[in-house]
N, C-alpha and C. Protein backbone atom coordinates (compact mmCIF):
# COMPACT_ATOMS: atom_id res chain seq x y z
N UNK A 1 77.74 69.28 87.81
CA UNK A 1 78.08 68.46 88.97
C UNK A 1 78.83 69.33 89.89
N UNK A 2 78.21 69.14 91.14
CA UNK A 2 78.90 70.06 92.27
C UNK A 2 79.50 69.08 93.28
N UNK A 3 80.52 69.54 93.79
CA UNK A 3 81.43 68.55 94.90
C UNK A 3 81.07 69.38 96.22
N UNK A 4 80.68 68.65 97.25
CA UNK A 4 80.77 69.27 98.43
C UNK A 4 81.97 68.86 99.34
N UNK A 5 82.57 69.83 99.72
CA UNK A 5 84.04 69.39 100.78
C UNK A 5 83.78 69.89 102.03
N UNK A 6 83.83 69.27 102.92
CA UNK A 6 83.66 69.35 104.25
C UNK A 6 85.00 69.79 104.91
N UNK A 7 85.22 70.65 105.69
CA UNK A 7 86.32 70.99 106.22
C UNK A 7 85.95 71.27 107.71
N UNK A 8 86.94 71.18 108.71
CA UNK A 8 86.48 71.35 110.09
C UNK A 8 87.82 71.69 110.85
N UNK A 9 87.63 72.61 111.72
CA UNK A 9 88.68 73.23 112.66
C UNK A 9 88.89 72.25 113.71
N UNK A 10 89.66 71.34 113.88
CA UNK A 10 89.53 70.59 114.91
C UNK A 10 89.63 70.94 116.22
N UNK A 11 90.72 71.99 116.17
CA UNK A 11 90.92 72.78 117.59
C UNK A 11 89.57 73.59 118.05
N UNK A 12 89.14 74.06 117.09
CA UNK A 12 87.99 74.86 117.40
C UNK A 12 86.58 74.12 117.83
N UNK A 13 86.67 72.85 117.26
CA UNK A 13 85.61 72.00 117.65
C UNK A 13 85.88 71.51 118.97
N UNK A 14 87.19 71.04 119.47
CA UNK A 14 87.59 70.52 120.63
C UNK A 14 87.03 71.39 121.50
N UNK A 15 87.22 72.57 121.33
CA UNK A 15 86.94 73.70 122.41
C UNK A 15 85.52 73.63 122.48
N UNK A 16 84.72 73.79 121.47
CA UNK A 16 83.06 73.68 121.67
C UNK A 16 82.76 72.23 122.36
N UNK A 17 83.34 71.24 121.99
CA UNK A 17 83.01 69.88 122.53
C UNK A 17 83.24 69.81 123.97
N UNK A 18 84.27 70.79 124.56
CA UNK A 18 84.52 70.78 126.04
C UNK A 18 83.37 71.27 126.73
N UNK A 19 82.58 72.16 125.93
CA UNK A 19 81.60 72.97 126.55
C UNK A 19 80.17 72.15 126.34
N UNK A 20 80.25 71.10 125.45
CA UNK A 20 79.03 70.46 125.11
C UNK A 20 78.99 69.23 125.80
N UNK A 21 77.80 68.67 126.46
CA UNK A 21 77.75 67.41 126.91
C UNK A 21 76.67 67.17 126.46
N UNK A 22 76.79 65.48 125.88
CA UNK A 22 75.51 64.86 125.31
C UNK A 22 74.36 64.66 126.76
N UNK A 23 73.24 64.87 126.38
CA UNK A 23 72.06 64.95 127.05
C UNK A 23 70.89 64.46 126.55
N UNK A 24 69.93 64.05 126.96
CA UNK A 24 68.66 63.85 126.36
C UNK A 24 67.88 64.99 126.10
N UNK A 25 68.22 65.90 126.56
CA UNK A 25 67.56 67.39 126.41
C UNK A 25 68.11 68.11 125.14
N UNK A 26 69.05 67.86 124.74
CA UNK A 26 69.73 68.74 123.69
C UNK A 26 70.51 67.92 122.55
N UNK A 27 69.94 67.97 121.43
CA UNK A 27 70.86 67.25 120.24
C UNK A 27 71.93 67.81 119.75
N UNK A 28 72.95 67.14 119.56
CA UNK A 28 74.35 67.59 118.79
C UNK A 28 74.22 68.20 117.62
N UNK A 29 74.90 69.18 117.09
CA UNK A 29 74.88 69.37 115.59
C UNK A 29 75.45 68.36 114.97
N UNK A 30 75.27 68.41 113.47
CA UNK A 30 76.10 67.56 112.49
C UNK A 30 77.53 67.72 112.80
N UNK A 31 77.95 69.19 112.99
CA UNK A 31 79.29 69.27 113.21
C UNK A 31 79.91 68.74 114.29
N UNK A 32 79.23 68.99 115.45
CA UNK A 32 79.65 68.44 116.92
C UNK A 32 79.72 66.70 116.79
N UNK A 33 78.61 66.26 115.98
CA UNK A 33 78.66 64.68 116.18
C UNK A 33 80.01 64.33 115.35
N UNK A 34 80.25 65.04 114.19
CA UNK A 34 81.48 64.81 113.31
C UNK A 34 82.63 64.88 114.09
N UNK A 35 82.75 65.86 114.78
CA UNK A 35 83.85 66.08 115.65
C UNK A 35 83.99 64.97 116.92
N UNK A 36 83.09 64.62 117.50
CA UNK A 36 82.74 63.58 118.24
C UNK A 36 83.30 62.33 117.74
N UNK A 37 82.75 61.89 116.67
CA UNK A 37 83.06 60.74 115.91
C UNK A 37 84.83 60.86 115.39
N UNK A 38 85.14 62.00 115.19
CA UNK A 38 86.45 62.03 114.87
C UNK A 38 87.53 61.95 116.12
N UNK A 39 87.14 62.26 117.07
CA UNK A 39 87.80 61.93 118.38
C UNK A 39 87.76 60.51 118.94
N UNK A 40 86.74 60.14 118.83
CA UNK A 40 86.45 58.54 119.32
C UNK A 40 87.53 57.67 118.21
N UNK A 41 87.60 58.13 116.80
CA UNK A 41 88.33 57.50 115.93
C UNK A 41 89.91 57.63 116.22
N UNK A 42 90.36 58.75 116.43
CA UNK A 42 91.35 58.98 117.36
C UNK A 42 91.91 58.15 118.43
N UNK A 43 91.01 58.19 119.25
CA UNK A 43 91.21 57.46 120.50
C UNK A 43 91.25 55.69 120.33
N UNK A 44 90.27 55.38 119.36
CA UNK A 44 90.24 54.06 119.03
C UNK A 44 91.76 53.49 118.40
N UNK A 45 92.15 54.56 117.60
CA UNK A 45 93.76 54.19 116.73
C UNK A 45 94.47 54.19 117.85
N UNK A 46 94.85 55.19 118.68
CA UNK A 46 95.52 54.92 119.66
C UNK A 46 95.60 53.92 120.57
N UNK A 47 94.41 53.52 121.08
CA UNK A 47 94.15 52.31 121.91
C UNK A 47 94.53 51.11 121.24
N UNK A 48 94.47 50.92 119.73
CA UNK A 48 94.78 49.75 119.18
C UNK A 48 96.51 49.73 119.03
N UNK A 49 97.02 50.93 118.77
CA UNK A 49 98.48 51.05 118.67
C UNK A 49 99.03 50.39 119.97
N UNK A 50 98.48 51.00 121.05
CA UNK A 50 99.13 50.66 122.59
C UNK A 50 98.87 49.03 122.81
N UNK A 51 97.67 48.67 122.16
CA UNK A 51 97.43 47.20 122.42
C UNK A 51 98.43 46.31 121.83
N UNK A 52 98.68 46.83 120.31
CA UNK A 52 99.64 46.10 119.57
C UNK A 52 101.06 45.99 120.24
N UNK A 53 101.46 47.18 120.68
CA UNK A 53 102.72 47.19 121.40
C UNK A 53 102.93 46.25 122.63
N UNK A 54 101.66 46.23 123.42
CA UNK A 54 101.70 45.24 124.69
C UNK A 54 101.85 43.89 124.23
N UNK A 55 100.87 43.53 123.29
CA UNK A 55 100.75 42.13 122.79
C UNK A 55 102.18 41.62 122.13
N UNK A 56 103.10 42.52 121.45
CA UNK A 56 104.57 42.20 120.89
C UNK A 56 105.37 42.08 121.93
N UNK A 57 105.19 42.89 123.08
CA UNK A 57 105.97 42.91 124.21
C UNK A 57 105.87 41.49 125.17
N UNK A 58 104.56 41.10 125.12
CA UNK A 58 104.31 39.94 125.86
C UNK A 58 104.70 38.67 125.02
N UNK A 59 104.59 38.75 123.65
CA UNK A 59 105.06 37.83 122.90
C UNK A 59 106.40 37.64 123.02
N UNK A 60 107.14 38.62 122.96
CA UNK A 60 108.63 38.53 123.06
C UNK A 60 109.22 37.90 124.35
N UNK A 61 108.48 38.37 125.44
CA UNK A 61 108.67 37.87 126.66
C UNK A 61 108.35 36.10 127.06
N UNK A 62 107.25 35.67 126.18
CA UNK A 62 107.08 34.31 126.22
C UNK A 62 108.12 33.69 125.31
N UNK A 63 108.67 34.28 124.34
CA UNK A 63 109.78 33.66 123.41
C UNK A 63 110.96 33.49 124.41
N UNK A 64 111.31 34.53 124.99
CA UNK A 64 112.57 34.58 125.82
C UNK A 64 112.26 33.43 126.97
N UNK A 65 111.24 33.21 127.55
CA UNK A 65 111.12 32.20 128.65
C UNK A 65 111.32 30.63 127.87
N UNK A 66 110.59 30.67 126.74
CA UNK A 66 110.75 29.40 126.11
C UNK A 66 112.21 29.09 125.79
N UNK A 67 113.09 30.05 125.21
CA UNK A 67 114.25 29.85 125.00
C UNK A 67 115.03 29.41 126.21
N UNK A 68 114.84 30.14 127.43
CA UNK A 68 115.53 29.80 128.46
C UNK A 68 115.22 28.36 129.12
N UNK A 69 114.03 27.93 128.77
CA UNK A 69 113.64 26.50 129.17
C UNK A 69 114.28 25.60 128.37
N UNK A 70 114.30 25.77 126.95
CA UNK A 70 115.20 24.99 126.05
C UNK A 70 116.62 24.69 126.40
N UNK A 71 117.30 25.92 126.71
CA UNK A 71 118.79 25.91 127.21
C UNK A 71 118.92 25.04 128.36
N UNK A 72 117.85 25.12 129.27
CA UNK A 72 118.00 24.38 130.52
C UNK A 72 117.93 22.99 130.50
N UNK A 73 117.28 22.63 129.49
CA UNK A 73 117.06 21.03 128.97
C UNK A 73 118.28 20.37 128.17
N UNK A 74 119.10 21.45 127.56
CA UNK A 74 120.23 20.93 126.82
C UNK A 74 121.46 20.58 127.68
């Protein structure tokens, strides 16, 4: 039984991706598709991280507003 191990040099692929543009005239290679999907995944994780930080900031802001209103009523 053999095991297939796929390795990729992300820096090298990033350089190649900078010169490759998706068009209907040219199909990307499997290596290019893999690198594109990896970049999409990285961007999605970063976007989710920033969204979570912003949500936590807004929630904390609301907590502070509610606490100030409660103090004003007492």
